[in-house]
Protein backbone atom coordinates (compact mmCIF):
# COMPACT_ATOMS: atom_id res chain seq x y z
CA MET A 1 14.12 -1.20 16.60
CA SER A 2 11.39 0.72 18.43
CA ARG A 3 11.69 3.57 15.91
CA ARG A 4 11.06 1.14 13.06
CA ARG A 5 8.13 -0.46 14.90
CA SER A 6 6.70 2.98 15.65
CA ALA A 7 7.05 3.95 11.97
CA LEU A 8 5.21 0.76 10.92
CA THR A 9 2.48 1.42 13.47
CA SER A 10 2.09 4.97 12.18
CA LEU A 11 1.99 3.70 8.61
CA HIS A 12 -0.69 1.14 9.50
CA ARG A 13 -2.75 3.81 11.26
CA LEU A 14 -2.43 6.16 8.29
CA LEU A 15 -3.45 3.38 5.89
CA ALA A 16 -6.44 2.46 8.07
CA ALA A 17 -7.54 6.10 8.26
CA GLY A 18 -7.24 6.39 4.48
CA CYS A 19 -9.37 3.27 3.97
CA VAL A 20 -12.02 4.60 6.35
CA ALA A 21 -12.05 7.95 4.51
CA LEU A 22 -12.39 6.17 1.15
CA VAL A 23 -15.36 4.07 2.33
CA LEU A 24 -16.99 7.15 3.86
CA ALA A 25 -16.51 9.16 0.65
CA LEU A 26 -17.88 6.34 -1.52
CA THR A 27 -20.89 6.00 0.78
CA VAL A 28 -21.67 9.72 0.67
CA LEU A 29 -21.22 9.85 -3.12
CA ALA A 30 -23.42 6.77 -3.58
CA VAL A 31 -26.23 8.30 -1.53
CA SER A 32 -26.13 11.75 -3.12
CA PRO A 33 -26.61 11.77 -6.92
CA SER A 34 -25.90 15.50 -7.08
CA LEU A 35 -22.47 15.07 -5.44
CA HIS A 36 -21.78 12.09 -7.70
CA ALA A 37 -22.62 14.18 -10.78
CA TRP A 38 -20.47 17.03 -9.44
CA LEU A 39 -17.56 14.59 -9.09
CA HIS A 40 -17.87 13.74 -12.79
CA GLY A 41 -18.42 17.38 -13.74
CA GLU A 42 -21.81 16.69 -15.30
CA LYS A 43 -25.32 17.89 -14.50
CA GLN A 44 -27.08 14.52 -14.93
CA LEU A 45 -25.61 11.02 -14.80
CA ASP A 46 -26.97 7.82 -16.24
CA THR A 47 -27.68 5.12 -13.68
CA ASP A 48 -24.93 2.77 -14.87
CA ASP A 49 -21.80 4.76 -15.65
CA GLY A 50 -19.47 2.03 -14.32
CA CYS A 51 -17.43 4.19 -11.97
CA ALA A 52 -16.24 3.12 -8.52
CA VAL A 53 -19.13 4.90 -6.78
CA VAL A 54 -21.76 2.93 -8.72
CA LEU A 55 -19.89 -0.35 -8.24
CA PHE A 56 -19.60 0.35 -4.50
CA ALA A 57 -23.31 1.19 -4.26
CA GLN A 58 -24.28 -2.00 -6.11
CA GLY A 59 -22.01 -4.13 -3.92
CA VAL A 60 -19.85 -5.55 -6.70
CA THR A 61 -17.47 -8.08 -5.18
CA ALA A 62 -15.33 -9.03 -8.18
CA GLY A 63 -12.20 -7.97 -6.31
CA LEU A 64 -13.15 -10.10 -3.32
CA ALA A 65 -12.56 -13.32 -5.28
CA ALA A 66 -8.99 -12.25 -6.06
CA ILE A 67 -8.34 -11.34 -2.43
CA VAL A 68 -9.66 -14.70 -1.23
CA ALA A 69 -7.49 -16.52 -3.78
CA VAL A 70 -4.34 -14.65 -2.71
CA VAL A 71 -4.99 -15.22 0.99
CA GLY A 72 -5.63 -18.92 0.36
CA ALA A 73 -2.41 -19.25 -1.64
CA LEU A 74 -0.42 -17.49 1.09
CA ARG A 75 -1.88 -19.80 3.73
CA VAL A 76 -0.91 -22.89 1.69
CA LEU A 77 2.60 -21.53 1.15
CA ALA A 78 2.96 -20.76 4.85
CA GLU A 79 2.06 -24.34 5.75
CA GLU A 80 4.69 -25.71 3.37
CA LEU A 81 7.54 -23.61 4.77
CA PRO A 82 9.68 -25.40 7.35
CA LYS A 83 9.11 -24.29 10.92
CA PRO A 84 12.13 -23.23 12.98
CA HIS A 85 13.24 -25.80 15.55
CA GLN A 86 14.24 -23.28 18.16
CA LEU A 87 12.97 -19.79 18.84
CA LEU A 88 15.94 -17.46 19.24
CA LEU A 89 15.06 -14.44 21.33
CA GLU A 90 17.18 -11.49 22.31
CA ALA A 91 18.51 -11.77 25.86
CA PRO A 92 17.00 -9.22 28.25
CA ARG A 93 19.30 -6.37 29.22
CA PHE A 94 18.10 -6.29 32.82
CA GLN A 95 17.24 -9.04 35.25
CA PHE A 96 14.67 -6.72 36.81
CA PRO A 97 12.94 -3.70 35.29
CA PRO A 98 14.94 -0.48 35.76
CA GLY A 99 14.36 1.04 39.17
CA CYS A 100 13.39 -2.27 40.78
CA GLY A 101 15.54 -4.48 42.91
CA PRO A 102 15.29 -8.08 43.98
CA PRO A 103 12.61 -8.90 46.55
CA SER A 104 13.69 -8.58 50.16
CA ASP A 105 12.66 -11.27 52.64
């Protein structure tokens, strides 16, 4: 179980690092027109070429509406699901942590 949890944690960290790198790259490309033109392989770009860099620089939030709609739908669905009556947890393997004994009076 801990191996699976560690794999998920590593995956989440990798995904977060990728998202940070993407935002950083879009920011640098939006600030530097020469790098943006180099990315397209052209010498001069028009101001509205419709690529992701231009949309990021202009702050287009069309995707945000879809994300808000999906999160809202998931929240409504989560409220409609029946809640469990009893929380079933795995029994601990040790009464005390390994290497520790009961208190002595």
